[in-house]
Amino acid sequence: MLLFRSPTLLFALIYFLCSICLAILIFNIPYDDTENLLQLLIISPPLNSIFVFLFALTWIERRFRLCYVPSICLVLLFISSILLSIISFRYLHISKLVYFSLIYHSFFAIVFLLVLILIVICYSYGSLYIHRFRSMMTTEQQNDTQPKDVPPLKVDQLVLQTSENDQLLLHMSILPGRRIRHDIRNIEDDLNQLQQIQTIITLNESKELSFMNMTTKNIFNMDTYSTFIKRTNHEHIVYPIRDRFIPKSIGDYIQFIFSIIINAKNGNRNLILIHCMGGMGRTGMTVVCLELAYEYLRKTKRQQRFIERFCHYPLILPRLCRVCQAICNVRRARPGTIYNPIQIYFIHEFYARLQSNSYMEEIKRILHLDEDILLDTSFESNSILNTNYNLSSSM
């Protein structure tokens, strides 16, 4: 059941149970008519649990009109926790149980505030990043000229392997042809280094390419970028994710991840390049999810450990947690990858859904996958090999 596997939903359940227990304890405290505000300590905590559950359900499913629901829930929860903390402080003289209420609501007021600040910073930083580089265009960029002594495109590789005949080679890099102040590259030269790559997956939004000026008309968007890639006979897949953030829908993202693996197997296109702007956050998140999904598709599902049901960031425990192990694998392949706490938390939610039978049955139904493809148990072992190399030296 997803309720007991998802870190966010499990947090909401624990918050609900603690709130109910606290409300029952406060209810038994005697008070007179001049202390009516004390009733808020009984009524508000269970009501707050509704907003916690709503946040848990919508922060990774922000489709349609749900984009602002998680932030609104956090704001309401923070304000409510602050007010309940003030009320608890006012009535400390009534009972020692009110001390627990003060500590409880003060703690969660801090938690909700920190989560809200983190989401706002990560969500806003993508736009600030784009505008910063748009206003820092150099003379070379404006004149559409290529500087000398441009280093070759650095590509790191993570090999997912179950047998000698079944491999998925995932490559990670920055945006091929990236043109920002400190890195002005030529897209055709970069794509020529990727001749052995069969599929290129772009995680950038179109607006991230709007300031790169790679054409004579100084107009560059995702369609133009895709045209450059297709000229070199690469398959191009675009799944836009906001910079420094997470996908809008975890359900759509799981379908996207599974489609990559199934199509790579059916089409014998196992040489894949995944990139975003810097090749770190969104790229690392996607590669980690590909590793977890690849394991799910290639062997019998392993049991989810107790610690894997909680997000223990900033602690990385590769010996105890499969998600942390996958993150460490990607970090070894490409140092500096996947340190964004929201993206790490998203991966925990991704893994929780892989462990939920009911949720995965729905994914199978949508993708029309049968058990022979989804649970291929003909492989005896699963190994992950990490290598870093420069494609220009081997292609």
Protein backbone atom coordinates (compact mmCIF):
# COMPACT_ATOMS: atom_id res chain seq x y z
CA MET A 1 0.00 0.00 0.00
CA LEU A 2 1.44 3.36 -1.10
CA LEU A 3 0.36 5.04 2.16
CA PHE A 4 2.93 3.00 4.10
CA ARG A 5 5.66 3.23 1.41
CA SER A 6 5.69 6.88 0.35
CA PRO A 7 7.85 9.05 2.67
CA THR A 8 5.52 12.04 2.29
CA LEU A 9 2.30 10.10 2.83
CA LEU A 10 3.84 8.27 5.79
CA PHE A 11 4.83 11.64 7.28
CA ALA A 12 1.26 12.86 6.80
CA LEU A 13 -0.08 9.73 8.53
CA ILE A 14 2.27 10.17 11.50
CA TYR A 15 1.36 13.85 11.74
CA PHE A 16 -2.34 12.93 11.73
CA LEU A 17 -1.96 10.32 14.50
CA CYS A 18 0.13 12.65 16.68
CA SER A 19 -2.35 15.49 16.15
CA ILE A 20 -5.29 13.30 17.18
CA CYS A 21 -3.48 12.13 20.31
CA LEU A 22 -2.54 15.69 21.23
CA ALA A 23 -6.10 16.91 20.68
CA ILE A 24 -7.46 14.16 22.94
CA LEU A 25 -5.01 15.09 25.71
CA ILE A 26 -5.86 18.80 25.45
CA PHE A 27 -9.59 17.96 25.46
CA ASN A 28 -9.29 16.49 28.95
CA ILE A 29 -7.81 19.70 30.37
CA PRO A 30 -10.41 21.62 32.43
CA TYR A 31 -10.85 25.30 31.50
CA ASP A 32 -13.42 28.06 32.07
CA ASP A 33 -15.33 30.28 29.65
CA THR A 34 -12.58 32.91 29.57
CA GLU A 35 -10.24 30.40 27.92
CA ASN A 36 -12.22 29.59 24.77
CA LEU A 37 -9.13 29.93 22.58
CA LEU A 38 -7.97 26.67 24.08
CA GLN A 39 -10.59 24.95 21.89
CA LEU A 40 -8.46 25.79 18.86
CA LEU A 41 -5.78 23.45 20.25
CA ILE A 42 -8.37 20.69 20.03
CA ILE A 43 -9.95 21.47 16.66
CA SER A 44 -7.07 22.82 14.57
CA PRO A 45 -4.50 19.95 14.65
CA PRO A 46 -6.84 17.37 13.03
CA LEU A 47 -7.85 19.99 10.43
CA ASN A 48 -4.21 20.69 9.71
CA SER A 49 -3.77 17.00 8.92
CA ILE A 50 -6.08 17.45 5.94
CA PHE A 51 -3.73 20.05 4.46
CA VAL A 52 -0.72 17.84 5.18
CA PHE A 53 -2.31 14.98 3.25
CA LEU A 54 -3.29 17.37 0.45
CA PHE A 55 0.31 18.59 0.22
CA ALA A 56 1.60 15.00 0.23
CA LEU A 57 -0.66 14.11 -2.68
CA THR A 58 -0.08 17.19 -4.85
CA TRP A 59 3.56 18.25 -4.51
CA ILE A 60 4.61 15.61 -7.06
CA GLU A 61 1.36 15.74 -9.06
CA ARG A 62 1.17 19.42 -10.03
CA ARG A 63 -0.79 18.99 -13.26
CA PHE A 64 -3.60 21.25 -14.47
CA ARG A 65 -4.70 23.56 -11.65
CA LEU A 66 -2.66 21.89 -8.90
CA CYS A 67 0.54 23.91 -9.42
CA TYR A 68 0.03 26.22 -6.45
CA VAL A 69 -1.83 23.86 -4.12
CA PRO A 70 1.32 22.54 -2.34
CA SER A 71 2.58 26.06 -1.63
CA ILE A 72 -0.85 27.21 -0.43
CA CYS A 73 -1.05 24.20 1.90
CA LEU A 74 2.38 24.95 3.35
CA VAL A 75 1.52 28.61 3.92
CA LEU A 76 -1.73 27.68 5.71
CA LEU A 77 0.06 25.05 7.77
CA PHE A 78 2.80 27.46 8.77
CA ILE A 79 0.33 30.20 9.78
CA SER A 80 -1.81 27.72 11.70
CA SER A 81 1.20 26.27 13.52
CA ILE A 82 2.38 29.76 14.50
CA LEU A 83 -1.06 30.70 15.86
CA LEU A 84 -1.34 27.44 17.79
CA SER A 85 2.13 27.99 19.22
CA ILE A 86 1.09 31.47 20.42
CA ILE A 87 -2.10 30.10 21.98
CA SER A 88 -0.16 27.31 23.68
CA PHE A 89 2.31 29.83 25.08
CA ARG A 90 -0.54 31.94 26.43
CA TYR A 91 -2.09 29.01 28.33
CA LEU A 92 1.02 27.37 29.72
CA HIS A 93 -0.22 28.01 33.25
CA ILE A 94 -3.24 25.72 32.80
CA SER A 95 -1.48 22.37 32.45
CA LYS A 96 1.88 20.84 31.70
CA LEU A 97 0.30 19.15 28.68
CA VAL A 98 0.17 22.56 27.00
CA TYR A 99 3.98 22.52 27.03
CA PHE A 100 3.85 19.54 24.68
CA SER A 101 1.46 21.44 22.46
CA LEU A 102 3.84 24.42 22.35
CA ILE A 103 6.82 22.24 21.44
CA TYR A 104 4.81 20.26 18.90
CA HIS A 105 3.40 23.22 16.99
CA SER A 106 6.62 25.24 17.19
CA PHE A 107 8.60 22.36 15.75
CA PHE A 108 6.26 21.90 12.80
CA ALA A 109 6.05 25.64 12.20
CA ILE A 110 9.82 25.56 11.63
CA VAL A 111 9.54 22.44 9.45
CA PHE A 112 6.79 23.90 7.24
CA LEU A 113 8.68 27.18 6.91
CA LEU A 114 11.90 25.46 5.87
CA VAL A 115 10.11 23.29 3.31
CA LEU A 116 8.29 26.33 1.90
CA ILE A 117 11.53 28.31 1.62
CA LEU A 118 13.28 25.37 -0.05
CA ILE A 119 10.52 24.94 -2.64
CA VAL A 120 10.39 28.67 -3.41
CA ILE A 121 14.17 28.92 -3.82
CA CYS A 122 14.44 25.85 -6.04
CA TYR A 123 11.43 26.85 -8.13
CA SER A 124 12.60 30.45 -8.59
CA TYR A 125 16.27 29.74 -9.16
CA GLY A 126 15.66 28.25 -12.61
CA SER A 127 14.21 31.51 -13.93
CA LEU A 128 16.90 33.59 -12.22
CA TYR A 129 19.57 31.36 -13.78
CA ILE A 130 18.19 31.89 -17.28
CA HIS A 131 17.86 35.67 -16.91
CA ARG A 132 21.35 35.91 -15.44
CA PHE A 133 22.98 34.27 -18.45
CA ARG A 134 20.73 36.14 -20.87
CA SER A 135 22.03 39.45 -19.46
CA MET A 136 25.66 38.25 -19.46
CA MET A 137 26.01 37.50 -23.18
CA THR A 138 29.53 38.03 -24.46
CA THR A 139 30.76 39.54 -27.71
CA GLU A 140 31.39 36.05 -29.09
CA GLN A 141 27.82 35.07 -28.38
CA GLN A 142 26.39 38.23 -29.88
CA ASN A 143 28.49 37.84 -33.04
CA ASP A 144 27.80 34.09 -33.19
CA THR A 145 31.49 33.30 -33.38
CA GLN A 146 33.29 30.30 -31.96
CA PRO A 147 36.28 30.93 -29.65
CA LYS A 148 39.47 28.99 -30.07
CA ASP A 149 40.71 26.11 -27.90
CA VAL A 150 37.29 24.84 -26.85
CA PRO A 151 37.74 21.66 -24.79
CA PRO A 152 36.01 18.49 -26.04
CA LEU A 153 32.61 17.65 -24.66
CA LYS A 154 33.06 15.69 -21.44
CA VAL A 155 30.73 12.72 -21.22
CA ASP A 156 30.44 10.37 -18.23
CA GLN A 157 29.02 6.88 -18.47
CA LEU A 158 27.02 4.60 -16.21
CA VAL A 159 26.55 1.03 -17.44
CA LEU A 160 23.51 -0.93 -16.27
CA GLN A 161 24.15 -4.60 -16.95
CA THR A 162 22.35 -7.85 -16.20
CA SER A 163 24.27 -10.04 -18.66
CA GLU A 164 26.81 -9.68 -21.44
CA ASN A 165 24.01 -9.43 -23.98
CA ASP A 166 21.83 -7.06 -21.99
CA GLN A 167 23.31 -3.65 -21.24
CA LEU A 168 22.00 -0.13 -21.01
CA LEU A 169 24.74 2.46 -21.44
CA LEU A 170 23.70 5.79 -19.97
CA HIS A 171 25.81 8.83 -20.80
CA MET A 172 25.66 12.18 -19.00
CA SER A 173 26.87 15.57 -20.21
CA ILE A 174 26.13 19.26 -20.30
CA LEU A 175 23.92 20.65 -23.05
CA PRO A 176 25.71 19.89 -26.36
CA GLY A 177 26.42 23.21 -28.04
CA ARG A 178 25.92 25.15 -24.81
CA ARG A 179 26.67 28.85 -25.16
CA ILE A 180 26.87 30.73 -21.89
CA ARG A 181 29.40 33.24 -20.68
CA HIS A 182 31.97 30.78 -19.36
CA ASP A 183 31.35 28.03 -21.92
CA ILE A 184 30.76 28.85 -25.60
CA ARG A 185 30.56 25.69 -27.65
CA ASN A 186 29.66 24.67 -31.19
CA ILE A 187 26.71 22.31 -31.41
CA GLU A 188 27.87 20.62 -34.61
CA ASP A 189 31.30 19.84 -33.12
CA ASP A 190 29.72 18.43 -29.98
CA LEU A 191 27.29 16.26 -31.92
CA ASN A 192 30.11 14.93 -34.06
CA GLN A 193 31.71 13.64 -30.85
CA LEU A 194 28.50 11.72 -30.12
CA GLN A 195 28.38 9.63 -33.28
CA GLN A 196 28.06 6.35 -31.39
CA ILE A 197 25.18 7.66 -29.28
CA GLN A 198 21.82 6.45 -30.59
CA THR A 199 19.34 8.43 -28.48
CA ILE A 200 19.69 11.90 -26.97
CA ILE A 201 17.30 12.83 -24.16
CA THR A 202 16.92 16.56 -23.49
CA LEU A 203 15.56 17.65 -20.12
CA ASN A 204 15.75 21.40 -20.82
CA GLU A 205 12.80 23.72 -21.18
CA SER A 206 12.61 25.58 -24.46
CA LYS A 207 13.11 28.95 -22.75
CA GLU A 208 16.55 27.81 -21.57
CA LEU A 209 17.69 27.83 -25.20
CA SER A 210 16.21 31.22 -26.08
CA PHE A 211 19.38 33.19 -25.35
CA MET A 212 21.92 30.94 -27.08
CA ASN A 213 21.80 32.60 -30.55
CA MET A 214 23.02 29.68 -32.65
CA THR A 215 21.34 30.66 -35.89
CA THR A 216 21.83 33.55 -38.29
CA LYS A 217 18.41 34.90 -37.32
CA ASN A 218 19.37 34.84 -33.63
CA ILE A 219 16.28 32.74 -32.92
CA PHE A 220 16.84 29.47 -31.12
CA ASN A 221 14.24 27.19 -29.55
CA MET A 222 13.70 23.49 -28.97
CA ASP A 223 12.56 22.85 -32.55
CA THR A 224 15.77 24.38 -33.90
CA TYR A 225 17.84 22.41 -31.44
CA SER A 226 16.05 19.17 -32.35
CA THR A 227 16.73 19.85 -36.04
CA PHE A 228 20.47 20.02 -35.37
CA ILE A 229 20.32 16.67 -33.53
CA LYS A 230 18.24 14.87 -36.15
CA ARG A 231 20.65 15.94 -38.89
CA THR A 232 23.25 13.70 -37.25
CA ASN A 233 20.86 10.71 -37.25
CA HIS A 234 20.24 10.74 -33.51
CA GLU A 235 16.87 9.94 -32.04
CA HIS A 236 15.81 12.98 -30.00
CA ILE A 237 13.48 12.76 -26.98
CA VAL A 238 12.43 15.90 -25.10
CA TYR A 239 11.04 15.80 -21.57
CA PRO A 240 11.20 19.36 -20.18
CA ILE A 241 11.83 19.77 -16.45
CA ARG A 242 12.24 23.13 -14.75
CA ASP A 243 15.85 23.89 -13.86
CA ARG A 244 16.74 22.99 -10.25
CA PHE A 245 13.29 21.40 -9.83
CA ILE A 246 11.33 18.19 -10.38
CA PRO A 247 8.86 16.90 -13.00
CA LYS A 248 5.29 18.16 -12.81
CA SER A 249 3.80 14.67 -12.53
CA ILE A 250 5.47 11.61 -11.05
CA GLY A 251 2.98 9.37 -12.86
CA ASP A 252 3.92 10.81 -16.26
CA TYR A 253 7.60 10.69 -15.31
CA ILE A 254 7.44 6.98 -14.43
CA GLN A 255 5.83 6.28 -17.80
CA PHE A 256 8.59 8.31 -19.46
CA ILE A 257 11.33 6.34 -17.64
CA PHE A 258 9.77 2.98 -18.46
CA SER A 259 9.29 3.95 -22.09
CA ILE A 260 12.98 4.75 -22.43
CA ILE A 261 14.03 1.32 -21.14
CA ILE A 262 11.42 -0.64 -23.12
CA ASN A 263 12.15 1.25 -26.34
CA ALA A 264 15.90 0.79 -25.85
CA LYS A 265 15.37 -2.96 -25.55
CA ASN A 266 12.86 -3.35 -28.37
CA GLY A 267 14.71 -1.04 -30.77
CA ASN A 268 18.22 -2.16 -29.79
CA ARG A 269 19.11 1.45 -28.99
CA ASN A 270 20.95 1.06 -25.71
CA LEU A 271 23.44 3.96 -26.13
CA ILE A 272 21.63 6.88 -24.52
CA LEU A 273 22.79 10.40 -23.67
CA ILE A 274 20.87 12.30 -20.99
CA HIS A 275 21.58 15.99 -20.52
CA CYS A 276 20.21 19.21 -19.08
CA MET A 277 22.02 22.56 -18.98
CA GLY A 278 24.79 21.61 -16.56
CA GLY A 279 24.37 17.83 -16.64
CA MET A 280 24.08 17.56 -12.85
CA GLY A 281 20.67 17.98 -11.20
CA ARG A 282 17.94 16.91 -13.63
CA THR A 283 20.36 14.61 -15.45
CA GLY A 284 21.46 12.89 -12.25
CA MET A 285 17.86 12.52 -11.03
CA THR A 286 16.81 10.91 -14.31
CA VAL A 287 19.77 8.52 -14.41
CA VAL A 288 19.12 7.41 -10.81
CA CYS A 289 15.46 6.75 -11.65
CA LEU A 290 16.51 4.84 -14.78
CA GLU A 291 18.74 2.61 -12.65
CA LEU A 292 15.94 1.89 -10.17
CA ALA A 293 13.42 1.23 -12.94
CA TYR A 294 15.92 -0.94 -14.82
CA GLU A 295 16.36 -3.11 -11.73
CA TYR A 296 12.59 -3.37 -11.36
CA LEU A 297 12.19 -4.50 -14.98
CA ARG A 298 15.04 -6.99 -14.94
CA LYS A 299 14.61 -8.90 -11.69
CA THR A 300 12.08 -9.82 -9.05
CA LYS A 301 11.13 -6.83 -6.97
CA ARG A 302 13.05 -6.62 -3.69
CA GLN A 303 11.33 -5.84 -0.42
CA GLN A 304 11.40 -2.22 0.67
CA ARG A 305 13.36 -1.77 3.87
CA PHE A 306 11.98 0.21 6.78
CA ILE A 307 14.52 3.02 6.42
CA GLU A 308 13.65 3.34 2.73
CA ARG A 309 10.16 4.47 3.69
CA PHE A 310 11.61 7.70 5.10
CA CYS A 311 13.64 10.41 3.40
CA HIS A 312 16.76 10.66 5.56
CA TYR A 313 18.45 13.49 3.66
CA PRO A 314 21.16 14.78 4.23
CA LEU A 315 22.26 11.32 5.37
CA ILE A 316 23.28 9.08 2.44
CA LEU A 317 23.18 5.43 3.52
CA PRO A 318 24.14 3.24 0.54
CA ARG A 319 24.37 0.05 2.63
CA LEU A 320 20.88 0.46 4.06
CA CYS A 321 18.94 2.26 1.33
CA ARG A 322 18.62 1.27 -2.34
CA VAL A 323 17.92 4.88 -3.37
CA CYS A 324 21.10 6.09 -1.65
CA GLN A 325 23.06 3.29 -3.31
CA ALA A 326 21.81 4.40 -6.74
CA ILE A 327 22.66 8.03 -5.96
CA CYS A 328 26.19 7.02 -4.97
CA ASN A 329 26.56 5.02 -8.19
CA VAL A 330 25.69 8.08 -10.26
CA ARG A 331 27.92 10.35 -8.17
CA ARG A 332 30.87 8.03 -8.75
CA ALA A 333 30.21 8.08 -12.46
CA ARG A 334 29.75 11.86 -12.57
CA PRO A 335 31.08 13.69 -9.47
CA GLY A 336 28.97 16.60 -8.27
CA THR A 337 25.71 15.08 -9.47
CA ILE A 338 22.31 15.11 -7.70
CA TYR A 339 22.68 17.13 -4.47
CA ASN A 340 19.37 19.02 -4.68
CA PRO A 341 17.28 17.90 -1.65
CA ILE A 342 13.96 18.24 -3.50
CA GLN A 343 15.22 16.05 -6.34
CA ILE A 344 16.56 13.48 -3.87
CA TYR A 345 13.21 13.44 -2.05
CA PHE A 346 11.49 13.00 -5.43
CA ILE A 347 13.62 9.92 -6.12
CA HIS A 348 12.49 8.41 -2.80
CA GLU A 349 8.88 8.94 -3.91
CA PHE A 350 9.70 7.39 -7.29
CA TYR A 351 11.15 4.30 -5.60
CA ALA A 352 8.15 4.04 -3.24
CA ARG A 353 5.84 3.80 -6.24
CA LEU A 354 7.98 1.08 -7.78
CA GLN A 355 7.40 -0.88 -4.59
CA SER A 356 3.63 -0.38 -4.63
CA ASN A 357 1.88 -3.23 -6.47
CA SER A 358 -1.37 -1.34 -6.97
CA TYR A 359 0.36 1.74 -8.35
CA MET A 360 2.55 -0.27 -10.73
CA GLU A 361 -0.46 -2.24 -11.97
CA GLU A 362 -1.95 1.05 -13.11
CA ILE A 363 1.32 2.00 -14.84
CA LYS A 364 1.36 -1.38 -16.61
CA ARG A 365 -2.19 -0.86 -17.77
CA ILE A 366 -1.39 2.57 -19.18
CA LEU A 367 1.75 1.38 -20.95
CA HIS A 368 0.10 -1.91 -22.07
CA LEU A 369 3.00 -3.93 -20.71
CA ASP A 370 2.71 -7.60 -19.89
CA GLU A 371 4.38 -9.50 -17.09
CA ASP A 372 7.01 -11.06 -19.35
CA ILE A 373 8.42 -7.64 -20.18
CA LEU A 374 7.97 -5.98 -16.81
CA LEU A 375 9.26 -8.78 -14.61
CA ASP A 376 11.94 -10.56 -16.60
CA THR A 377 13.44 -12.99 -14.11
CA SER A 378 15.66 -14.83 -16.60
CA PHE A 379 18.69 -12.87 -15.43
CA GLU A 380 20.54 -14.10 -12.40
CA SER A 381 22.45 -11.00 -11.35
CA ASN A 382 22.46 -7.27 -11.68
CA SER A 383 25.68 -5.30 -11.74
CA ILE A 384 26.41 -1.64 -12.28
CA LEU A 385 29.70 -0.56 -13.80
CA ASN A 386 30.86 3.05 -13.60
CA THR A 387 33.33 4.58 -16.03
CA ASN A 388 34.23 8.17 -16.81
CA TYR A 389 35.63 9.00 -20.19
CA ASN A 390 35.78 11.61 -22.89
CA LEU A 391 33.88 10.55 -25.97
CA SER A 392 36.12 12.58 -28.23
CA SER A 393 38.99 10.23 -27.50
CA SER A 394 37.08 7.04 -28.29
CA MET A 395 34.80 7.99 -31.19
